[in-house]
Amino acid sequence: MLELEKVLLEATKRLDIEMFKEFYIYTEDYKQSKRLFLLKDIAVAFNKFKEQGDTSLEPILGICNRCNKGCHGHLLVGNKSKNYMSLLFENDMYKIIGVAECADLKTLNKIEGLNKRIYLHEYNEPGSPNNVPF
């Protein structure tokens, strides 16, 4: 795991948007496109966890089974609510290319007791008026 990925994962575990912002700017994704909407969306997701009483997220390693097949990511589970989200850290061995929501993250073991999925992007959320099915 790359050092930048470790730091971004730690910021996510802590639900620390300021720490996430401080290091996200070093990803290729941000350098090339200034994807500020990801920062806005991740801040909204962090707040949803906090509103449910979560103070941290527990990461569980997984692998994308759909769009970025084989790319590793993390299922992140709230310590109180058991709500969860799935993030991929796309890299090319030397640098983080991007951070993305995963639609189909598979973990080695089935995780029991999960509650509601927190979607990073509204267009991924089933039932949302802006949902884009794929």
Protein backbone atom coordinates (compact mmCIF):
# COMPACT_ATOMS: atom_id res chain seq x y z
CA MET A 1 0.00 0.00 0.00
CA LEU A 2 1.34 3.41 -0.95
CA GLU A 3 2.06 5.94 1.81
CA LEU A 4 -0.47 8.41 0.37
CA GLU A 5 -3.14 5.70 0.38
CA LYS A 6 -2.33 4.92 4.03
CA VAL A 7 -2.77 8.59 4.94
CA LEU A 8 -6.03 8.97 2.98
CA LEU A 9 -7.35 5.77 4.54
CA GLU A 10 -6.39 7.02 8.02
CA ALA A 11 -8.21 10.32 7.37
CA THR A 12 -11.25 8.35 6.26
CA LYS A 13 -11.09 6.08 9.32
CA ARG A 14 -11.04 9.20 11.52
CA LEU A 15 -13.81 10.92 9.51
CA ASP A 16 -11.38 13.83 9.26
CA ILE A 17 -12.26 15.86 6.18
CA GLU A 18 -9.50 18.43 6.75
CA MET A 19 -6.82 15.72 6.81
CA PHE A 20 -8.38 14.10 3.73
CA LYS A 21 -8.36 17.43 1.83
CA GLU A 22 -4.77 18.15 2.85
CA PHE A 23 -3.50 14.95 1.23
CA TYR A 24 -6.05 14.37 -1.58
CA ILE A 25 -4.45 17.23 -3.52
CA TYR A 26 -1.44 14.94 -4.13
CA THR A 27 -3.48 12.39 -6.12
CA GLU A 28 -3.19 12.45 -9.90
CA ASP A 29 -6.96 12.77 -10.11
CA TYR A 30 -6.89 16.08 -8.26
CA LYS A 31 -3.75 17.41 -9.98
CA GLN A 32 -5.24 16.86 -13.43
CA SER A 33 -8.89 17.79 -12.94
CA LYS A 34 -9.22 19.55 -9.56
CA ARG A 35 -12.15 17.23 -8.73
CA LEU A 36 -13.55 19.33 -5.94
CA PHE A 37 -16.89 17.53 -6.12
CA LEU A 38 -15.25 14.43 -4.61
CA LEU A 39 -14.16 16.48 -1.60
CA LYS A 40 -17.68 17.89 -1.23
CA ASP A 41 -19.26 14.45 -1.54
CA ILE A 42 -16.86 12.82 0.92
CA ALA A 43 -17.52 15.62 3.43
CA VAL A 44 -21.28 14.95 3.12
CA ALA A 45 -20.68 11.20 3.61
CA PHE A 46 -18.48 11.81 6.68
CA ASN A 47 -21.23 14.01 8.16
CA LYS A 48 -23.84 11.29 7.58
CA PHE A 49 -21.72 8.88 9.58
CA LYS A 50 -21.21 11.44 12.34
CA GLU A 51 -24.95 12.21 12.49
CA GLN A 52 -25.51 8.50 13.22
CA GLY A 53 -23.09 8.64 16.16
CA ASP A 54 -20.02 7.21 14.46
CA THR A 55 -16.64 8.48 15.61
CA SER A 56 -14.58 6.27 13.30
CA LEU A 57 -14.81 3.85 10.39
CA GLU A 58 -13.37 0.35 10.38
CA PRO A 59 -11.74 -0.53 7.02
CA ILE A 60 -12.10 -4.02 5.58
CA LEU A 61 -10.01 -4.82 2.51
CA GLY A 62 -11.91 -5.76 -0.64
CA ILE A 63 -11.62 -6.09 -4.41
CA CYS A 64 -13.76 -4.41 -7.07
CA ASN A 65 -15.84 -6.94 -8.96
CA ARG A 66 -17.25 -4.65 -11.66
CA CYS A 67 -16.01 -1.35 -13.15
CA ASN A 68 -12.40 -1.48 -11.91
CA LYS A 69 -12.27 -5.26 -11.68
CA GLY A 70 -9.37 -6.39 -9.56
CA CYS A 71 -8.64 -2.95 -8.08
CA HIS A 72 -8.37 -3.05 -4.29
CA GLY A 73 -10.47 -0.92 -2.04
CA HIS A 74 -11.99 -0.79 1.40
CA LEU A 75 -15.42 -1.38 2.87
CA LEU A 76 -15.60 1.27 5.61
CA VAL A 77 -18.01 0.49 8.46
CA GLY A 78 -19.21 2.95 11.07
CA ASN A 79 -18.17 1.97 14.61
CA LYS A 80 -21.64 2.67 16.08
CA SER A 81 -24.22 2.68 13.27
CA LYS A 82 -22.71 -0.14 11.18
CA ASN A 83 -23.56 1.99 8.13
CA TYR A 84 -20.93 1.56 5.43
CA MET A 85 -19.41 2.86 2.20
CA SER A 86 -16.99 1.40 -0.34
CA LEU A 87 -13.94 3.27 -1.62
CA LEU A 88 -11.31 2.35 -4.19
CA PHE A 89 -7.81 3.78 -4.17
CA GLU A 90 -6.72 3.46 -7.79
CA ASN A 91 -2.93 3.42 -8.19
CA ASP A 92 -0.26 2.56 -10.70
CA MET A 93 2.24 1.13 -8.20
CA TYR A 94 3.95 4.51 -7.60
CA LYS A 95 1.16 7.03 -7.13
CA ILE A 96 -2.53 7.33 -6.36
CA ILE A 97 -4.42 7.98 -9.58
CA GLY A 98 -7.79 8.51 -7.95
CA VAL A 99 -10.25 7.77 -5.20
CA ALA A 100 -13.66 6.46 -6.24
CA GLU A 101 -16.80 4.87 -4.90
CA CYS A 102 -17.08 1.16 -5.67
CA ALA A 103 -20.42 -0.22 -6.81
CA ASP A 104 -19.47 -3.87 -6.25
CA LEU A 105 -16.73 -4.36 -3.65
CA LYS A 106 -16.20 -7.95 -2.55
CA THR A 107 -14.54 -8.75 0.77
CA LEU A 108 -12.87 -12.05 1.59
CA ASN A 109 -15.43 -12.83 4.28
CA LYS A 110 -19.10 -11.90 4.46
CA ILE A 111 -19.58 -9.05 6.91
CA GLU A 112 -22.51 -9.58 9.26
CA GLY A 113 -24.69 -6.88 10.78
CA LEU A 114 -24.20 -4.15 8.20
CA ASN A 115 -26.83 -1.47 8.26
CA LYS A 116 -27.43 1.18 5.56
CA ARG A 117 -25.03 1.94 2.73
CA ILE A 118 -23.86 5.55 2.59
CA TYR A 119 -23.42 6.52 -1.05
CA LEU A 120 -20.64 8.90 -1.92
CA HIS A 121 -22.45 10.12 -5.03
CA GLU A 122 -26.20 10.61 -5.21
CA TYR A 123 -26.29 9.17 -8.74
CA ASN A 124 -25.25 5.77 -7.32
CA GLU A 125 -28.02 5.68 -4.71
CA PRO A 126 -31.00 3.52 -5.74
CA GLY A 127 -34.25 5.45 -5.51
CA SER A 128 -32.54 8.80 -5.93
CA PRO A 129 -34.06 10.99 -8.67
CA ASN A 130 -30.52 11.34 -10.07
CA ASN A 131 -29.74 7.58 -10.00
CA VAL A 132 -27.84 6.26 -13.01
CA PRO A 133 -28.18 2.45 -13.04
CA PHE A 134 -25.40 0.35 -14.54
